[in-house]
Amino acid sequence: MCLNCGCMAAHDDMGKPAVNLTYEDVKRAADANRMTVDATLAMIAKTAQKDRGDHPKEYADTEAGGK
């Protein structure tokens, strides 16, 4: 479906384009910022890591297995 559900089908939004992230979404963002897809994915991971430190309460439920 996407890059976020775990199905490993990076180009298929599973009929939920406003919910699931696809390769094409990341590519569009990469192109708009004059970055590569790899650099964009790395920046997403780096930003998420920083945000966890800045806003730990927002991540508490997800780290405990909640949604």
PDB file of N, CA and C in Angstrom:
ATOM      1  N   MET A   1       0.819  -1.163   0.000  1.00  0.00           N
ATOM      2  CA  MET A   1       0.000   0.000   0.000  1.00  0.00           C
ATOM      3  C   MET A   1       0.859   1.219   0.000  1.00  0.00           C
ATOM      4  N   CYS A   2       1.878   1.206   0.737  1.00  0.00           N
ATOM      5  CA  CYS A   2       2.433   2.491   1.040  1.00  0.00           C
ATOM      6  C   CYS A   2       3.741   2.330   1.768  1.00  0.00           C
ATOM      7  N   LEU A   3       4.165   3.416   2.280  1.00  0.00           N
ATOM      8  CA  LEU A   3       5.396   3.426   3.049  1.00  0.00           C
ATOM      9  C   LEU A   3       5.111   3.316   4.537  1.00  0.00           C
ATOM     10  N   ASN A   4       3.855   3.337   4.925  1.00  0.00           N
ATOM     11  CA  ASN A   4       3.569   3.425   6.349  1.00  0.00           C
ATOM     12  C   ASN A   4       2.832   2.253   6.967  1.00  0.00           C
ATOM     13  N   CYS A   5       2.234   1.350   6.215  1.00  0.00           N
ATOM     14  CA  CYS A   5       1.429   0.302   6.861  1.00  0.00           C
ATOM     15  C   CYS A   5       2.185  -0.994   7.071  1.00  0.00           C
ATOM     16  N   GLY A   6       3.210  -1.221   6.329  1.00  0.00           N
ATOM     17  CA  GLY A   6       3.964  -2.453   6.464  1.00  0.00           C
ATOM     18  C   GLY A   6       3.706  -3.472   5.373  1.00  0.00           C
ATOM     19  N   CYS A   7       2.868  -3.144   4.405  1.00  0.00           N
ATOM     20  CA  CYS A   7       2.556  -4.095   3.333  1.00  0.00           C
ATOM     21  C   CYS A   7       3.691  -4.202   2.320  1.00  0.00           C
ATOM     22  N   MET A   8       4.588  -3.245   2.329  1.00  0.00           N
ATOM     23  CA  MET A   8       5.759  -3.233   1.458  1.00  0.00           C
ATOM     24  C   MET A   8       5.436  -2.962  -0.007  1.00  0.00           C
ATOM     25  N   ALA A   9       4.287  -2.385  -0.301  1.00  0.00           N
ATOM     26  CA  ALA A   9       3.927  -2.000  -1.676  1.00  0.00           C
ATOM     27  C   ALA A   9       3.939  -0.478  -1.742  1.00  0.00           C
ATOM     28  N   ALA A  10       5.093   0.085  -1.967  1.00  0.00           N
ATOM     29  CA  ALA A  10       5.317   1.521  -1.826  1.00  0.00           C
ATOM     30  C   ALA A  10       4.540   2.415  -2.786  1.00  0.00           C
ATOM     31  N   HIS A  11       3.945   1.852  -3.818  1.00  0.00           N
ATOM     32  CA  HIS A  11       3.259   2.665  -4.820  1.00  0.00           C
ATOM     33  C   HIS A  11       1.732   2.551  -4.766  1.00  0.00           C
ATOM     34  N   ASP A  12       1.197   1.797  -3.825  1.00  0.00           N
ATOM     35  CA  ASP A  12      -0.240   1.540  -3.759  1.00  0.00           C
ATOM     36  C   ASP A  12      -0.813   2.162  -2.488  1.00  0.00           C
ATOM     37  N   ASP A  13      -1.683   3.157  -2.642  1.00  0.00           N
ATOM     38  CA  ASP A  13      -2.259   3.823  -1.461  1.00  0.00           C
ATOM     39  C   ASP A  13      -3.457   3.073  -0.883  1.00  0.00           C
ATOM     40  N   MET A  14      -3.773   1.916  -1.425  1.00  0.00           N
ATOM     41  CA  MET A  14      -4.863   1.061  -0.960  1.00  0.00           C
ATOM     42  C   MET A  14      -6.205   1.786  -0.953  1.00  0.00           C
ATOM     43  N   GLY A  15      -6.369   2.731  -1.873  1.00  0.00           N
ATOM     44  CA  GLY A  15      -7.627   3.453  -1.974  1.00  0.00           C
ATOM     45  C   GLY A  15      -7.810   4.538  -0.931  1.00  0.00           C
ATOM     46  N   LYS A  16      -6.751   4.865  -0.220  1.00  0.00           N
ATOM     47  CA  LYS A  16      -6.820   5.887   0.825  1.00  0.00           C
ATOM     48  C   LYS A  16      -5.716   6.926   0.620  1.00  0.00           C
ATOM     49  N   PRO A  17      -5.810   7.695  -0.464  1.00  0.00           N
ATOM     50  CA  PRO A  17      -4.722   8.625  -0.788  1.00  0.00           C
ATOM     51  C   PRO A  17      -4.539   9.745   0.230  1.00  0.00           C
ATOM     52  N   ALA A  18      -5.555  10.061   0.988  1.00  0.00           N
ATOM     53  CA  ALA A  18      -5.429  11.116   1.990  1.00  0.00           C
ATOM     54  C   ALA A  18      -4.889  10.580   3.315  1.00  0.00           C
ATOM     55  N   VAL A  19      -4.678   9.265   3.366  1.00  0.00           N
ATOM     56  CA  VAL A  19      -4.243   8.625   4.609  1.00  0.00           C
ATOM     57  C   VAL A  19      -2.858   8.002   4.477  1.00  0.00           C
ATOM     58  N   ASN A  20      -2.648   7.231   3.432  1.00  0.00           N
ATOM     59  CA  ASN A  20      -1.419   6.459   3.290  1.00  0.00           C
ATOM     60  C   ASN A  20      -0.394   7.165   2.415  1.00  0.00           C
ATOM     61  N   LEU A  21       0.848   7.068   2.812  1.00  0.00           N
ATOM     62  CA  LEU A  21       1.953   7.707   2.107  1.00  0.00           C
ATOM     63  C   LEU A  21       2.552   6.758   1.088  1.00  0.00           C
ATOM     64  N   THR A  22       2.701   7.221  -0.128  1.00  0.00           N
ATOM     65  CA  THR A  22       3.298   6.405  -1.174  1.00  0.00           C
ATOM     66  C   THR A  22       4.647   6.988  -1.595  1.00  0.00           C
ATOM     67  N   TYR A  23       5.370   6.209  -2.362  1.00  0.00           N
ATOM     68  CA  TYR A  23       6.628   6.684  -2.930  1.00  0.00           C
ATOM     69  C   TYR A  23       6.400   7.979  -3.704  1.00  0.00           C
ATOM     70  N   GLU A  24       5.299   8.035  -4.438  1.00  0.00           N
ATOM     71  CA  GLU A  24       5.019   9.224  -5.252  1.00  0.00           C
ATOM     72  C   GLU A  24       4.860  10.471  -4.382  1.00  0.00           C
ATOM     73  N   ASP A  25       4.283  10.329  -3.195  1.00  0.00           N
ATOM     74  CA  ASP A  25       4.169  11.464  -2.273  1.00  0.00           C
ATOM     75  C   ASP A  25       5.546  11.957  -1.853  1.00  0.00           C
ATOM     76  N   VAL A  26       6.403  11.015  -1.503  1.00  0.00           N
ATOM     77  CA  VAL A  26       7.762  11.379  -1.072  1.00  0.00           C
ATOM     78  C   VAL A  26       8.544  11.968  -2.240  1.00  0.00           C
ATOM     79  N   LYS A  27       8.384  11.402  -3.423  1.00  0.00           N
ATOM     80  CA  LYS A  27       9.078  11.916  -4.606  1.00  0.00           C
ATOM     81  C   LYS A  27       8.649  13.342  -4.908  1.00  0.00           C
ATOM     82  N   ARG A  28       7.352  13.614  -4.796  1.00  0.00           N
ATOM     83  CA  ARG A  28       6.835  14.968  -5.034  1.00  0.00           C
ATOM     84  C   ARG A  28       7.437  15.949  -4.027  1.00  0.00           C
ATOM     85  N   ALA A  29       7.503  15.554  -2.766  1.00  0.00           N
ATOM     86  CA  ALA A  29       8.104  16.410  -1.739  1.00  0.00           C
ATOM     87  C   ALA A  29       9.596  16.593  -1.995  1.00  0.00           C
ATOM     88  N   ALA A  30      10.267  15.519  -2.376  1.00  0.00           N
ATOM     89  CA  ALA A  30      11.703  15.600  -2.668  1.00  0.00           C
ATOM     90  C   ALA A  30      11.970  16.569  -3.810  1.00  0.00           C
ATOM     91  N   ASP A  31      11.223  16.405  -4.876  1.00  0.00           N
ATOM     92  CA  ASP A  31      11.409  17.285  -6.034  1.00  0.00           C
ATOM     93  C   ASP A  31      11.147  18.747  -5.673  1.00  0.00           C
ATOM     94  N   ALA A  32      10.108  18.995  -4.896  1.00  0.00           N
ATOM     95  CA  ALA A  32       9.752  20.367  -4.521  1.00  0.00           C
ATOM     96  C   ALA A  32      10.839  21.025  -3.677  1.00  0.00           C
ATOM     97  N   ASN A  33      11.596  20.206  -2.957  1.00  0.00           N
ATOM     98  CA  ASN A  33      12.662  20.726  -2.106  1.00  0.00           C
ATOM     99  C   ASN A  33      14.049  20.496  -2.681  1.00  0.00           C
ATOM    100  N   ARG A  34      14.079  20.090  -3.947  1.00  0.00           N
ATOM    101  CA  ARG A  34      15.349  19.838  -4.636  1.00  0.00           C
ATOM    102  C   ARG A  34      16.230  18.862  -3.866  1.00  0.00           C
ATOM    103  N   MET A  35      15.584  17.781  -3.413  1.00  0.00           N
ATOM    104  CA  MET A  35      16.280  16.733  -2.673  1.00  0.00           C
ATOM    105  C   MET A  35      16.057  15.401  -3.385  1.00  0.00           C
ATOM    106  N   THR A  36      16.848  14.408  -3.035  1.00  0.00           N
ATOM    107  CA  THR A  36      16.602  13.063  -3.529  1.00  0.00           C
ATOM    108  C   THR A  36      15.562  12.395  -2.633  1.00  0.00           C
ATOM    109  N   VAL A  37      14.993  11.309  -3.128  1.00  0.00           N
ATOM    110  CA  VAL A  37      14.056  10.546  -2.306  1.00  0.00           C
ATOM    111  C   VAL A  37      14.773  10.010  -1.070  1.00  0.00           C
ATOM    112  N   ASP A  38      15.973   9.467  -1.242  1.00  0.00           N
ATOM    113  CA  ASP A  38      16.725   8.953  -0.093  1.00  0.00           C
ATOM    114  C   ASP A  38      17.001  10.035   0.942  1.00  0.00           C
ATOM    115  N   ALA A  39      17.401  11.212   0.479  1.00  0.00           N
ATOM    116  CA  ALA A  39      17.668  12.317   1.407  1.00  0.00           C
ATOM    117  C   ALA A  39      16.382  12.751   2.113  1.00  0.00           C
ATOM    118  N   THR A  40      15.270  12.727   1.403  1.00  0.00           N
ATOM    119  CA  THR A  40      13.987  13.111   1.995  1.00  0.00           C
ATOM    120  C   THR A  40      13.571  12.108   3.065  1.00  0.00           C
ATOM    121  N   LEU A  41      13.693  10.817   2.774  1.00  0.00           N
ATOM    122  CA  LEU A  41      13.352   9.798   3.771  1.00  0.00           C
ATOM    123  C   LEU A  41      14.264   9.897   4.990  1.00  0.00           C
ATOM    124  N   ALA A  42      15.532  10.161   4.760  1.00  0.00           N
ATOM    125  CA  ALA A  42      16.469  10.328   5.879  1.00  0.00           C
ATOM    126  C   ALA A  42      16.097  11.548   6.712  1.00  0.00           C
ATOM    127  N   MET A  43      15.694  12.632   6.048  1.00  0.00           N
ATOM    128  CA  MET A  43      15.306  13.836   6.771  1.00  0.00           C
ATOM    129  C   MET A  43      14.029  13.603   7.583  1.00  0.00           C
ATOM    130  N   ILE A  44      13.100  12.833   7.038  1.00  0.00           N
ATOM    131  CA  ILE A  44      11.887  12.499   7.789  1.00  0.00           C
ATOM    132  C   ILE A  44      12.259  11.746   9.063  1.00  0.00           C
ATOM    133  N   ALA A  45      13.134  10.758   8.946  1.00  0.00           N
ATOM    134  CA  ALA A  45      13.555   9.987  10.113  1.00  0.00           C
ATOM    135  C   ALA A  45      14.286  10.870  11.126  1.00  0.00           C
ATOM    136  N   LYS A  46      15.162  11.727  10.630  1.00  0.00           N
ATOM    137  CA  LYS A  46      15.925  12.629  11.512  1.00  0.00           C
ATOM    138  C   LYS A  46      14.987  13.610  12.224  1.00  0.00           C
ATOM    139  N   THR A  47      14.029  14.137  11.496  1.00  0.00           N
ATOM    140  CA  THR A  47      13.078  15.082  12.079  1.00  0.00           C
ATOM    141  C   THR A  47      12.201  14.395  13.121  1.00  0.00           C
ATOM    142  N   ALA A  48      11.773  13.166  12.828  1.00  0.00           N
ATOM    143  CA  ALA A  48      10.950  12.420  13.784  1.00  0.00           C
ATOM    144  C   ALA A  48      11.730  12.154  15.066  1.00  0.00           C
ATOM    145  N   GLN A  49      12.998  11.800  14.922  1.00  0.00           N
ATOM    146  CA  GLN A  49      13.836  11.556  16.099  1.00  0.00           C
ATOM    147  C   GLN A  49      13.942  12.818  16.957  1.00  0.00           C
ATOM    148  N   LYS A  50      14.175  13.957  16.327  1.00  0.00           N
ATOM    149  CA  LYS A  50      14.261  15.217  17.054  1.00  0.00           C
ATOM    150  C   LYS A  50      12.929  15.553  17.704  1.00  0.00           C
ATOM    151  N   ASP A  51      11.839  15.344  16.974  1.00  0.00           N
ATOM    152  CA  ASP A  51      10.521  15.682  17.502  1.00  0.00           C
ATOM    153  C   ASP A  51      10.164  14.819  18.716  1.00  0.00           C
ATOM    154  N   ARG A  52      10.593  13.563  18.715  1.00  0.00           N
ATOM    155  CA  ARG A  52      10.362  12.700  19.889  1.00  0.00           C
ATOM    156  C   ARG A  52      10.993  13.310  21.135  1.00  0.00           C
ATOM    157  N   GLY A  53      12.189  13.870  20.970  1.00  0.00           N
ATOM    158  CA  GLY A  53      12.851  14.525  22.100  1.00  0.00           C
ATOM    159  C   GLY A  53      12.185  15.824  22.493  1.00  0.00           C
ATOM    160  N   ASP A  54      11.679  16.556  21.512  1.00  0.00           N
ATOM    161  CA  ASP A  54      11.038  17.843  21.778  1.00  0.00           C
ATOM    162  C   ASP A  54       9.623  17.695  22.339  1.00  0.00           C
ATOM    163  N   HIS A  55       8.931  16.615  21.961  1.00  0.00           N
ATOM    164  CA  HIS A  55       7.523  16.427  22.336  1.00  0.00           C
ATOM    165  C   HIS A  55       7.272  14.993  22.787  1.00  0.00           C
ATOM    166  N   PRO A  56       7.918  14.544  23.858  1.00  0.00           N
ATOM    167  CA  PRO A  56       7.812  13.137  24.253  1.00  0.00           C
ATOM    168  C   PRO A  56       6.390  12.686  24.586  1.00  0.00           C
ATOM    169  N   LYS A  57       5.568  13.567  25.090  1.00  0.00           N
ATOM    170  CA  LYS A  57       4.198  13.176  25.440  1.00  0.00           C
ATOM    171  C   LYS A  57       3.402  12.775  24.203  1.00  0.00           C
ATOM    172  N   GLU A  58       3.685  13.386  23.065  1.00  0.00           N
ATOM    173  CA  GLU A  58       2.981  13.046  21.841  1.00  0.00           C
ATOM    174  C   GLU A  58       3.297  11.623  21.385  1.00  0.00           C
ATOM    175  N   TYR A  59       4.440  11.112  21.739  1.00  0.00           N
ATOM    176  CA  TYR A  59       4.865   9.792  21.312  1.00  0.00           C
ATOM    177  C   TYR A  59       4.625   8.723  22.377  1.00  0.00           C
ATOM    178  N   ALA A  60       4.230   9.099  23.569  1.00  0.00           N
ATOM    179  CA  ALA A  60       4.062   8.150  24.669  1.00  0.00           C
ATOM    180  C   ALA A  60       3.081   7.038  24.312  1.00  0.00           C
ATOM    181  N   ASP A  61       1.936   7.358  23.735  1.00  0.00           N
ATOM    182  CA  ASP A  61       0.949   6.332  23.385  1.00  0.00           C
ATOM    183  C   ASP A  61       1.475   5.412  22.311  1.00  0.00           C
ATOM    184  N   THR A  62       2.164   5.942  21.302  1.00  0.00           N
ATOM    185  CA  THR A  62       2.631   5.105  20.203  1.00  0.00           C
ATOM    186  C   THR A  62       3.742   4.176  20.651  1.00  0.00           C
ATOM    187  N   GLU A  63       4.578   4.614  21.580  1.00  0.00           N
ATOM    188  CA  GLU A  63       5.657   3.785  22.059  1.00  0.00           C
ATOM    189  C   GLU A  63       5.147   2.687  22.985  1.00  0.00           C
ATOM    190  N   ALA A  64       3.993   2.918  23.617  1.00  0.00           N
ATOM    191  CA  ALA A  64       3.403   1.923  24.500  1.00  0.00           C
ATOM    192  C   ALA A  64       2.521   0.947  23.738  1.00  0.00           C
ATOM    193  N   GLY A  65       2.412   1.137  22.415  1.00  0.00           N
ATOM    194  CA  GLY A  65       1.613   0.240  21.601  1.00  0.00           C
ATOM    195  C   GLY A  65       0.212   0.742  21.351  1.00  0.00           C
ATOM    196  N   GLY A  66      -0.120   1.943  21.841  1.00  0.00           N
ATOM    197  CA  GLY A  66      -1.445   2.524  21.609  1.00  0.00           C
ATOM    198  C   GLY A  66      -1.499   3.244  20.301  1.00  0.00           C
ATOM    199  N   LYS A  67      -2.675   3.778  19.973  1.00  0.00           N
ATOM    200  CA  LYS A  67      -2.815   4.528  18.724  1.00  0.00           C
ATOM    201  C   LYS A  67      -3.412   5.875  18.964  1.00  0.00           C
TER     202      LYS A  67
END
